[in-house]
Amino acid sequence: MIDWCAAAIDSGSLATTESSMAKVSVSEGLMRVADRSVASDGGSGLTSDTIVEQVFREIRAFRIYDGPTEVHKWALAKKIKREWETAHP
């Protein structure tokens, strides 16, 4: 997906849809992995100075950079709805 997004940008497109899709996909996947890592470590996953705690903090912040993931999801849903309504008048 990242290669697809980069190719769209390289072709001269603004690639707003592609970059939103990549951001949502990557940030959601990373958050799932970080959350499962914390869960497998139990209480020590977030309370001590571990790599799991550091990664969890960084992933949480990543979901907010360049617009919260929820905003990207909303924009994508709006675009899909608009395209569907155009194709099915």
N, C-alpha and C. Protein backbone atom coordinates (compact mmCIF):
# COMPACT_ATOMS: atom_id res chain seq x y z
N MET A 1 0.82 -1.18 0.00
CA MET A 1 0.00 0.00 0.00
C MET A 1 0.87 1.26 0.00
N ILE A 2 1.96 1.21 0.73
CA ILE A 2 2.85 2.37 0.77
C ILE A 2 3.50 2.59 -0.59
N ASP A 3 3.88 1.50 -1.27
CA ASP A 3 4.44 1.62 -2.61
C ASP A 3 3.42 2.20 -3.58
N TRP A 4 2.16 1.78 -3.46
CA TRP A 4 1.09 2.29 -4.30
C TRP A 4 0.89 3.79 -4.07
N CYS A 5 0.93 4.19 -2.82
CA CYS A 5 0.81 5.61 -2.48
C CYS A 5 1.99 6.40 -3.03
N ALA A 6 3.19 5.87 -2.85
CA ALA A 6 4.38 6.56 -3.34
C ALA A 6 4.36 6.68 -4.86
N ALA A 7 3.88 5.64 -5.55
CA ALA A 7 3.78 5.69 -7.01
C ALA A 7 2.80 6.76 -7.46
N ALA A 8 1.69 6.90 -6.73
CA ALA A 8 0.71 7.94 -7.06
C ALA A 8 1.32 9.33 -6.89
N ILE A 9 2.07 9.50 -5.83
CA ILE A 9 2.73 10.80 -5.60
C ILE A 9 3.79 11.06 -6.67
N ASP A 10 4.56 10.03 -7.01
CA ASP A 10 5.60 10.16 -8.04
C ASP A 10 5.01 10.51 -9.40
N SER A 11 3.76 10.08 -9.65
CA SER A 11 3.13 10.37 -10.94
C SER A 11 2.61 11.80 -11.02
N GLY A 12 2.72 12.54 -9.93
CA GLY A 12 2.30 13.94 -9.92
C GLY A 12 0.95 14.17 -9.25
N SER A 13 0.31 13.12 -8.82
CA SER A 13 -0.98 13.24 -8.14
C SER A 13 -0.77 13.75 -6.71
N LEU A 14 -1.78 14.41 -6.17
CA LEU A 14 -1.71 14.80 -4.76
C LEU A 14 -1.83 13.58 -3.85
N ALA A 15 -2.48 12.54 -4.35
CA ALA A 15 -2.61 11.26 -3.65
C ALA A 15 -3.19 11.39 -2.25
N THR A 16 -4.16 12.26 -2.10
CA THR A 16 -4.76 12.43 -0.77
C THR A 16 -5.51 11.18 -0.32
N THR A 17 -6.23 10.56 -1.24
CA THR A 17 -6.96 9.33 -0.88
C THR A 17 -5.98 8.22 -0.56
N GLU A 18 -4.98 8.05 -1.41
CA GLU A 18 -4.01 6.98 -1.20
C GLU A 18 -3.25 7.16 0.10
N SER A 19 -2.86 8.40 0.41
CA SER A 19 -2.10 8.63 1.65
C SER A 19 -3.00 8.44 2.87
N SER A 20 -4.27 8.82 2.77
CA SER A 20 -5.18 8.58 3.89
C SER A 20 -5.37 7.09 4.13
N MET A 21 -5.53 6.34 3.04
CA MET A 21 -5.69 4.89 3.17
C MET A 21 -4.45 4.25 3.79
N ALA A 22 -3.28 4.67 3.36
CA ALA A 22 -2.05 4.13 3.90
C ALA A 22 -1.89 4.49 5.38
N LYS A 23 -2.19 5.73 5.73
CA LYS A 23 -2.05 6.16 7.12
C LYS A 23 -2.99 5.37 8.03
N VAL A 24 -4.24 5.20 7.61
CA VAL A 24 -5.20 4.45 8.43
C VAL A 24 -4.75 3.00 8.56
N SER A 25 -4.39 2.38 7.47
CA SER A 25 -3.99 0.98 7.49
C SER A 25 -2.77 0.74 8.37
N VAL A 26 -1.75 1.55 8.17
CA VAL A 26 -0.51 1.37 8.93
C VAL A 26 -0.72 1.68 10.42
N SER A 27 -1.38 2.79 10.71
CA SER A 27 -1.54 3.16 12.12
C SER A 27 -2.44 2.18 12.87
N GLU A 28 -3.49 1.68 12.22
CA GLU A 28 -4.36 0.70 12.88
C GLU A 28 -3.61 -0.63 13.09
N GLY A 29 -2.85 -1.06 12.10
CA GLY A 29 -2.08 -2.30 12.24
C GLY A 29 -1.05 -2.21 13.34
N LEU A 30 -0.32 -1.10 13.36
CA LEU A 30 0.70 -0.90 14.40
C LEU A 30 0.06 -0.85 15.79
N MET A 31 -1.09 -0.21 15.90
CA MET A 31 -1.75 -0.11 17.20
C MET A 31 -2.20 -1.49 17.68
N ARG A 32 -2.70 -2.33 16.77
CA ARG A 32 -3.09 -3.69 17.16
C ARG A 32 -1.90 -4.49 17.67
N VAL A 33 -0.78 -4.38 16.98
CA VAL A 33 0.43 -5.10 17.40
C VAL A 33 0.91 -4.59 18.76
N ALA A 34 0.95 -3.28 18.93
CA ALA A 34 1.40 -2.70 20.20
C ALA A 34 0.46 -3.09 21.34
N ASP A 35 -0.84 -3.06 21.09
CA ASP A 35 -1.81 -3.41 22.12
C ASP A 35 -1.66 -4.87 22.53
N ARG A 36 -1.47 -5.76 21.57
CA ARG A 36 -1.28 -7.18 21.88
C ARG A 36 0.02 -7.42 22.63
N SER A 37 1.03 -6.63 22.31
CA SER A 37 2.31 -6.77 23.02
C SER A 37 2.16 -6.35 24.47
N VAL A 38 1.45 -5.25 24.70
CA VAL A 38 1.20 -4.80 26.06
C VAL A 38 0.38 -5.84 26.81
N ALA A 39 -0.64 -6.38 26.15
CA ALA A 39 -1.49 -7.38 26.80
C ALA A 39 -0.70 -8.63 27.17
N SER A 40 0.22 -9.05 26.33
CA SER A 40 1.00 -10.26 26.63
C SER A 40 1.99 -10.03 27.76
N ASP A 41 2.42 -8.77 27.95
CA ASP A 41 3.34 -8.46 29.05
C ASP A 41 2.62 -8.19 30.36
N GLY A 42 1.31 -8.11 30.31
CA GLY A 42 0.54 -7.84 31.53
C GLY A 42 0.78 -6.44 32.05
N GLY A 43 0.68 -6.26 33.35
CA GLY A 43 0.83 -4.95 33.98
C GLY A 43 2.18 -4.31 33.75
N SER A 44 3.21 -5.11 33.59
CA SER A 44 4.54 -4.54 33.40
C SER A 44 4.72 -3.96 32.01
N GLY A 45 3.79 -4.23 31.09
CA GLY A 45 3.90 -3.73 29.74
C GLY A 45 3.88 -2.22 29.64
N LEU A 46 3.17 -1.56 30.55
CA LEU A 46 3.09 -0.10 30.52
C LEU A 46 3.71 0.58 31.73
N THR A 47 4.00 -0.17 32.75
CA THR A 47 4.47 0.48 33.97
C THR A 47 5.99 0.58 34.07
N SER A 48 6.70 -0.23 33.36
CA SER A 48 8.15 -0.20 33.48
C SER A 48 8.79 0.40 32.24
N ASP A 49 10.07 0.58 32.29
CA ASP A 49 10.82 1.15 31.18
C ASP A 49 11.20 0.04 30.20
N THR A 50 10.20 -0.46 29.48
CA THR A 50 10.45 -1.53 28.52
C THR A 50 10.30 -1.01 27.10
N ILE A 51 10.77 -1.77 26.15
CA ILE A 51 10.62 -1.40 24.75
C ILE A 51 9.14 -1.43 24.36
N VAL A 52 8.38 -2.33 24.97
CA VAL A 52 6.95 -2.40 24.67
C VAL A 52 6.25 -1.10 25.06
N GLU A 53 6.59 -0.59 26.23
CA GLU A 53 5.98 0.67 26.70
C GLU A 53 6.36 1.81 25.78
N GLN A 54 7.60 1.86 25.35
CA GLN A 54 8.07 2.93 24.46
C GLN A 54 7.36 2.85 23.11
N VAL A 55 7.27 1.65 22.55
CA VAL A 55 6.60 1.48 21.25
C VAL A 55 5.13 1.86 21.36
N PHE A 56 4.47 1.46 22.44
CA PHE A 56 3.05 1.78 22.62
C PHE A 56 2.84 3.29 22.65
N ARG A 57 3.70 4.01 23.37
CA ARG A 57 3.59 5.48 23.42
C ARG A 57 3.79 6.09 22.05
N GLU A 58 4.80 5.61 21.32
CA GLU A 58 5.10 6.18 20.01
C GLU A 58 4.00 5.88 18.99
N ILE A 59 3.43 4.69 19.04
CA ILE A 59 2.36 4.33 18.11
C ILE A 59 1.12 5.16 18.40
N ARG A 60 0.84 5.37 19.66
CA ARG A 60 -0.34 6.18 20.03
C ARG A 60 -0.19 7.59 19.46
N ALA A 61 0.98 8.15 19.57
CA ALA A 61 1.21 9.49 19.02
C ALA A 61 1.14 9.48 17.50
N PHE A 62 1.65 8.41 16.87
CA PHE A 62 1.63 8.30 15.40
C PHE A 62 0.20 8.35 14.87
N ARG A 63 -0.76 7.81 15.61
CA ARG A 63 -2.15 7.82 15.16
C ARG A 63 -2.72 9.24 15.13
N ILE A 64 -2.04 10.18 15.77
CA ILE A 64 -2.53 11.56 15.82
C ILE A 64 -1.80 12.45 14.82
N TYR A 65 -0.53 12.14 14.51
CA TYR A 65 0.23 12.95 13.56
C TYR A 65 -0.48 13.00 12.22
N ASP A 66 -0.36 14.11 11.53
CA ASP A 66 -0.96 14.31 10.21
C ASP A 66 -2.46 14.07 10.23
N GLY A 67 -3.08 14.42 11.31
CA GLY A 67 -4.53 14.25 11.44
C GLY A 67 -4.86 12.92 12.09
N PRO A 68 -5.78 12.94 13.02
CA PRO A 68 -6.16 11.70 13.69
C PRO A 68 -6.69 10.67 12.69
N THR A 69 -6.46 9.41 12.99
CA THR A 69 -6.90 8.33 12.13
C THR A 69 -8.41 8.41 11.89
N GLU A 70 -9.17 8.80 12.90
CA GLU A 70 -10.61 8.88 12.75
C GLU A 70 -11.01 9.92 11.70
N VAL A 71 -10.28 11.01 11.60
CA VAL A 71 -10.56 12.03 10.59
C VAL A 71 -10.29 11.47 9.19
N HIS A 72 -9.22 10.71 9.04
CA HIS A 72 -8.91 10.09 7.76
C HIS A 72 -9.99 9.08 7.37
N LYS A 73 -10.46 8.30 8.34
CA LYS A 73 -11.55 7.35 8.06
C LYS A 73 -12.80 8.08 7.61
N TRP A 74 -13.13 9.18 8.28
CA TRP A 74 -14.31 9.96 7.93
C TRP A 74 -14.18 10.52 6.51
N ALA A 75 -13.03 11.05 6.17
CA ALA A 75 -12.81 11.62 4.83
C ALA A 75 -12.91 10.54 3.75
N LEU A 76 -12.36 9.36 4.03
CA LEU A 76 -12.45 8.27 3.07
C LEU A 76 -13.90 7.81 2.88
N ALA A 77 -14.62 7.69 3.97
CA ALA A 77 -16.03 7.29 3.89
C ALA A 77 -16.84 8.31 3.09
N LYS A 78 -16.57 9.57 3.31
CA LYS A 78 -17.27 10.63 2.59
C LYS A 78 -16.96 10.55 1.09
N LYS A 79 -15.72 10.30 0.74
CA LYS A 79 -15.32 10.18 -0.66
C LYS A 79 -15.98 8.97 -1.31
N ILE A 80 -16.00 7.84 -0.63
CA ILE A 80 -16.63 6.63 -1.16
C ILE A 80 -18.12 6.87 -1.38
N LYS A 81 -18.77 7.50 -0.42
CA LYS A 81 -20.20 7.79 -0.54
C LYS A 81 -20.46 8.71 -1.72
N ARG A 82 -19.65 9.74 -1.87
CA ARG A 82 -19.81 10.69 -2.97
C ARG A 82 -19.63 9.98 -4.32
N GLU A 83 -18.62 9.13 -4.44
CA GLU A 83 -18.39 8.40 -5.69
C GLU A 83 -19.51 7.43 -5.98
N TRP A 84 -20.04 6.77 -4.95
CA TRP A 84 -21.14 5.84 -5.15
C TRP A 84 -22.38 6.57 -5.62
N GLU A 85 -22.68 7.73 -5.01
CA GLU A 85 -23.86 8.50 -5.41
C GLU A 85 -23.72 9.02 -6.84
N THR A 86 -22.50 9.33 -7.27
CA THR A 86 -22.27 9.77 -8.64
C THR A 86 -22.49 8.63 -9.63
N ALA A 87 -22.05 7.44 -9.26
CA ALA A 87 -22.19 6.27 -10.14
C ALA A 87 -23.60 5.70 -10.15
N HIS A 88 -24.38 5.98 -9.11
CA HIS A 88 -25.75 5.43 -8.98
C HIS A 88 -26.74 6.57 -8.72
N PRO A 89 -27.02 7.37 -9.75
CA PRO A 89 -27.91 8.53 -9.51
C PRO A 89 -29.34 8.16 -9.19
